[in-house]
N, C-alpha and C. Protein backbone atom coordinates (compact mmCIF):
# COMPACT_ATOMS: atom_id res chain seq x y z
N MET A 1 8.20 -17.15 2.43
CA MET A 1 9.22 -16.13 2.38
C MET A 1 8.60 -14.73 2.27
N ALA A 2 7.49 -14.63 1.52
CA ALA A 2 6.83 -13.33 1.39
C ALA A 2 6.38 -12.82 2.74
N ALA A 3 5.86 -13.72 3.57
CA ALA A 3 5.38 -13.31 4.89
C ALA A 3 6.53 -12.77 5.75
N ALA A 4 7.70 -13.36 5.61
CA ALA A 4 8.86 -12.89 6.37
C ALA A 4 9.27 -11.49 5.92
N TYR A 5 9.30 -11.26 4.61
CA TYR A 5 9.61 -9.92 4.11
C TYR A 5 8.55 -8.92 4.56
N GLY A 6 7.29 -9.34 4.51
CA GLY A 6 6.21 -8.46 4.94
C GLY A 6 6.31 -8.10 6.42
N ALA A 7 6.62 -9.10 7.25
CA ALA A 7 6.77 -8.85 8.68
C ALA A 7 7.94 -7.90 8.95
N LEU A 8 9.03 -8.11 8.23
CA LEU A 8 10.17 -7.22 8.37
C LEU A 8 9.79 -5.79 7.95
N GLY A 9 9.05 -5.68 6.86
CA GLY A 9 8.58 -4.37 6.42
C GLY A 9 7.71 -3.69 7.46
N GLN A 10 6.84 -4.46 8.09
CA GLN A 10 5.96 -3.88 9.12
C GLN A 10 6.78 -3.40 10.31
N LEU A 11 7.78 -4.14 10.68
CA LEU A 11 8.65 -3.73 11.78
C LEU A 11 9.38 -2.43 11.42
N HIS A 12 9.93 -2.39 10.23
CA HIS A 12 10.62 -1.17 9.80
C HIS A 12 9.66 0.00 9.66
N HIS A 13 8.46 -0.27 9.18
CA HIS A 13 7.45 0.77 9.04
C HIS A 13 7.10 1.35 10.42
N ALA A 14 6.96 0.48 11.40
CA ALA A 14 6.63 0.93 12.75
C ALA A 14 7.70 1.86 13.33
N TYR A 15 8.94 1.62 12.95
CA TYR A 15 10.04 2.45 13.44
C TYR A 15 10.42 3.56 12.45
N GLU A 16 9.55 3.79 11.47
CA GLU A 16 9.71 4.86 10.49
C GLU A 16 11.00 4.74 9.68
N LEU A 17 11.38 3.52 9.41
CA LEU A 17 12.49 3.24 8.51
C LEU A 17 11.88 2.98 7.13
N ASP A 18 11.40 4.06 6.52
CA ASP A 18 10.52 3.96 5.37
C ASP A 18 11.18 3.32 4.14
N GLU A 19 12.41 3.64 3.85
CA GLU A 19 13.06 3.05 2.68
C GLU A 19 13.20 1.54 2.82
N SER A 20 13.58 1.11 4.00
CA SER A 20 13.72 -0.32 4.26
C SER A 20 12.36 -1.01 4.25
N ALA A 21 11.35 -0.34 4.81
CA ALA A 21 10.00 -0.89 4.81
C ALA A 21 9.50 -1.07 3.39
N GLU A 22 9.73 -0.05 2.56
CA GLU A 22 9.29 -0.13 1.16
C GLU A 22 9.98 -1.29 0.43
N ALA A 23 11.26 -1.44 0.62
CA ALA A 23 11.99 -2.53 -0.03
C ALA A 23 11.45 -3.89 0.41
N SER A 24 11.17 -4.01 1.70
CA SER A 24 10.65 -5.28 2.21
C SER A 24 9.25 -5.56 1.66
N TYR A 25 8.39 -4.54 1.64
CA TYR A 25 7.05 -4.72 1.08
C TYR A 25 7.11 -5.06 -0.40
N GLN A 26 8.02 -4.42 -1.13
CA GLN A 26 8.17 -4.71 -2.56
C GLN A 26 8.60 -6.17 -2.77
N ASN A 27 9.53 -6.63 -1.95
CA ASN A 27 9.96 -8.04 -2.04
C ASN A 27 8.81 -8.98 -1.74
N ALA A 28 8.05 -8.67 -0.71
CA ALA A 28 6.90 -9.50 -0.35
C ALA A 28 5.89 -9.51 -1.50
N HIS A 29 5.66 -8.35 -2.09
CA HIS A 29 4.69 -8.25 -3.19
C HIS A 29 5.16 -9.02 -4.42
N GLN A 30 6.44 -8.99 -4.70
CA GLN A 30 6.97 -9.76 -5.84
C GLN A 30 6.85 -11.26 -5.61
N LEU A 31 7.04 -11.68 -4.37
CA LEU A 31 6.95 -13.11 -4.06
C LEU A 31 5.52 -13.61 -3.96
N ALA A 32 4.61 -12.72 -3.60
CA ALA A 32 3.19 -13.10 -3.45
C ALA A 32 2.31 -12.03 -4.08
N PRO A 33 2.29 -11.95 -5.42
CA PRO A 33 1.58 -10.86 -6.09
C PRO A 33 0.06 -10.89 -5.91
N LYS A 34 -0.49 -12.01 -5.48
CA LYS A 34 -1.94 -12.10 -5.28
C LYS A 34 -2.36 -11.75 -3.85
N ASP A 35 -1.39 -11.51 -2.99
CA ASP A 35 -1.67 -11.16 -1.59
C ASP A 35 -1.93 -9.66 -1.50
N HIS A 36 -3.12 -9.30 -1.06
CA HIS A 36 -3.54 -7.89 -1.01
C HIS A 36 -2.81 -7.08 0.06
N ARG A 37 -2.22 -7.73 1.04
CA ARG A 37 -1.61 -7.00 2.15
C ARG A 37 -0.46 -6.10 1.71
N TRP A 38 0.35 -6.60 0.79
CA TRP A 38 1.57 -5.87 0.44
C TRP A 38 1.29 -4.61 -0.36
N PRO A 39 0.42 -4.63 -1.37
CA PRO A 39 0.10 -3.35 -2.02
C PRO A 39 -0.64 -2.39 -1.09
N HIS A 40 -1.43 -2.95 -0.16
CA HIS A 40 -2.12 -2.08 0.79
C HIS A 40 -1.10 -1.34 1.66
N LEU A 41 -0.14 -2.06 2.16
CA LEU A 41 0.87 -1.43 3.01
C LEU A 41 1.78 -0.50 2.22
N LEU A 42 2.06 -0.86 0.97
CA LEU A 42 2.83 0.06 0.12
C LEU A 42 2.04 1.34 -0.13
N GLY A 43 0.73 1.20 -0.31
CA GLY A 43 -0.11 2.38 -0.49
C GLY A 43 -0.13 3.25 0.75
N TYR A 44 -0.25 2.63 1.90
CA TYR A 44 -0.28 3.39 3.15
C TYR A 44 1.06 4.10 3.39
N LEU A 45 2.15 3.40 3.12
CA LEU A 45 3.48 4.00 3.27
C LEU A 45 3.63 5.18 2.32
N SER A 46 3.19 5.01 1.08
CA SER A 46 3.26 6.11 0.10
C SER A 46 2.39 7.28 0.52
N GLU A 47 1.20 6.98 1.03
CA GLU A 47 0.29 8.04 1.48
C GLU A 47 0.92 8.83 2.62
N GLN A 48 1.52 8.14 3.56
CA GLN A 48 2.17 8.82 4.68
C GLN A 48 3.32 9.72 4.21
N ALA A 49 3.98 9.32 3.14
CA ALA A 49 5.11 10.10 2.61
C ALA A 49 4.64 11.22 1.69
N GLY A 50 3.34 11.32 1.49
CA GLY A 50 2.80 12.37 0.62
C GLY A 50 2.89 12.04 -0.86
N GLN A 51 3.19 10.81 -1.19
CA GLN A 51 3.27 10.36 -2.58
C GLN A 51 1.90 9.82 -2.98
N LEU A 52 0.99 10.74 -3.23
CA LEU A 52 -0.41 10.37 -3.39
C LEU A 52 -0.71 9.63 -4.69
N GLN A 53 -0.04 9.97 -5.77
CA GLN A 53 -0.25 9.23 -7.03
C GLN A 53 0.17 7.77 -6.86
N GLU A 54 1.30 7.58 -6.22
CA GLU A 54 1.79 6.23 -5.97
C GLU A 54 0.84 5.48 -5.04
N ALA A 55 0.36 6.16 -4.02
CA ALA A 55 -0.59 5.55 -3.09
C ALA A 55 -1.85 5.11 -3.82
N SER A 56 -2.36 5.96 -4.71
CA SER A 56 -3.57 5.59 -5.45
C SER A 56 -3.33 4.37 -6.32
N HIS A 57 -2.15 4.26 -6.90
CA HIS A 57 -1.80 3.08 -7.70
C HIS A 57 -1.90 1.81 -6.86
N TYR A 58 -1.30 1.83 -5.69
CA TYR A 58 -1.31 0.64 -4.84
C TYR A 58 -2.71 0.32 -4.31
N TYR A 59 -3.47 1.33 -3.92
CA TYR A 59 -4.82 1.07 -3.43
C TYR A 59 -5.71 0.52 -4.54
N ARG A 60 -5.52 0.99 -5.77
CA ARG A 60 -6.29 0.43 -6.90
C ARG A 60 -5.90 -1.03 -7.12
N LYS A 61 -4.63 -1.35 -6.92
CA LYS A 61 -4.18 -2.74 -7.04
C LYS A 61 -4.88 -3.61 -6.00
N VAL A 62 -5.01 -3.11 -4.79
CA VAL A 62 -5.73 -3.85 -3.75
C VAL A 62 -7.17 -4.09 -4.18
N ARG A 63 -7.80 -3.06 -4.74
CA ARG A 63 -9.20 -3.17 -5.19
C ARG A 63 -9.34 -4.19 -6.32
N GLU A 64 -8.31 -4.34 -7.16
CA GLU A 64 -8.33 -5.37 -8.19
C GLU A 64 -8.27 -6.76 -7.57
N LEU A 65 -7.43 -6.91 -6.56
CA LEU A 65 -7.26 -8.20 -5.91
C LEU A 65 -8.45 -8.56 -5.03
N ARG A 66 -9.00 -7.55 -4.36
CA ARG A 66 -10.13 -7.76 -3.44
C ARG A 66 -11.14 -6.63 -3.62
N PRO A 67 -12.05 -6.76 -4.55
CA PRO A 67 -13.00 -5.69 -4.83
C PRO A 67 -13.86 -5.28 -3.62
N ASP A 68 -14.01 -6.17 -2.66
CA ASP A 68 -14.84 -5.88 -1.49
C ASP A 68 -14.05 -5.29 -0.32
N ASP A 69 -12.81 -4.94 -0.53
CA ASP A 69 -11.96 -4.40 0.53
C ASP A 69 -12.36 -2.95 0.82
N THR A 70 -13.14 -2.76 1.87
CA THR A 70 -13.66 -1.42 2.19
C THR A 70 -12.56 -0.49 2.72
N ALA A 71 -11.58 -1.03 3.39
CA ALA A 71 -10.48 -0.19 3.90
C ALA A 71 -9.71 0.43 2.74
N ALA A 72 -9.41 -0.37 1.73
CA ALA A 72 -8.69 0.15 0.57
C ALA A 72 -9.55 1.16 -0.18
N ALA A 73 -10.85 0.89 -0.26
CA ALA A 73 -11.76 1.83 -0.94
C ALA A 73 -11.79 3.17 -0.20
N ALA A 74 -11.85 3.12 1.12
CA ALA A 74 -11.87 4.35 1.91
C ALA A 74 -10.56 5.12 1.78
N ARG A 75 -9.45 4.42 1.83
CA ARG A 75 -8.15 5.08 1.69
C ARG A 75 -7.98 5.66 0.29
N LEU A 76 -8.43 4.92 -0.72
CA LEU A 76 -8.35 5.42 -2.09
C LEU A 76 -9.20 6.67 -2.24
N GLY A 77 -10.39 6.65 -1.65
CA GLY A 77 -11.25 7.84 -1.70
C GLY A 77 -10.60 9.04 -1.05
N ARG A 78 -9.95 8.82 0.08
CA ARG A 78 -9.27 9.91 0.77
C ARG A 78 -8.12 10.47 -0.08
N VAL A 79 -7.38 9.58 -0.72
CA VAL A 79 -6.28 10.02 -1.60
C VAL A 79 -6.84 10.82 -2.77
N PHE A 80 -7.92 10.35 -3.36
CA PHE A 80 -8.53 11.09 -4.47
C PHE A 80 -8.99 12.48 -4.02
N LEU A 81 -9.53 12.58 -2.83
CA LEU A 81 -9.92 13.90 -2.31
C LEU A 81 -8.71 14.82 -2.17
N GLN A 82 -7.62 14.28 -1.66
CA GLN A 82 -6.41 15.08 -1.50
C GLN A 82 -5.82 15.50 -2.83
N LEU A 83 -6.05 14.68 -3.87
CA LEU A 83 -5.57 15.00 -5.21
C LEU A 83 -6.57 15.87 -5.98
N ASN A 84 -7.68 16.20 -5.32
CA ASN A 84 -8.76 16.99 -5.94
C ASN A 84 -9.33 16.26 -7.16
N ARG A 85 -9.45 14.96 -7.04
CA ARG A 85 -10.02 14.14 -8.10
C ARG A 85 -11.37 13.61 -7.61
N THR A 86 -12.29 14.52 -7.37
CA THR A 86 -13.57 14.16 -6.77
C THR A 86 -14.43 13.30 -7.71
N ASP A 87 -14.21 13.38 -9.01
CA ASP A 87 -14.99 12.55 -9.93
C ASP A 87 -14.63 11.08 -9.82
N ASP A 88 -13.40 10.81 -9.42
CA ASP A 88 -12.97 9.42 -9.26
C ASP A 88 -13.54 8.82 -7.99
């Protein structure tokens, strides 16, 4: 079921239906909290909306689930730069 919510979220995200995409990703994340895809996509959606604190939260969650995830590390670094948090 989580995969279905995630797929729906990706479809809505592609068509810039951001509120619906966020709700779908949140449902997917609640159903599969150990799956790194949903916080990653929530982070990307938040980053695109300019919600950088929220994006950093989700990218850090991905790093907890998959410490070797270089994409999440790169996105988190970019968010930290935009937040002027160069020490992080």
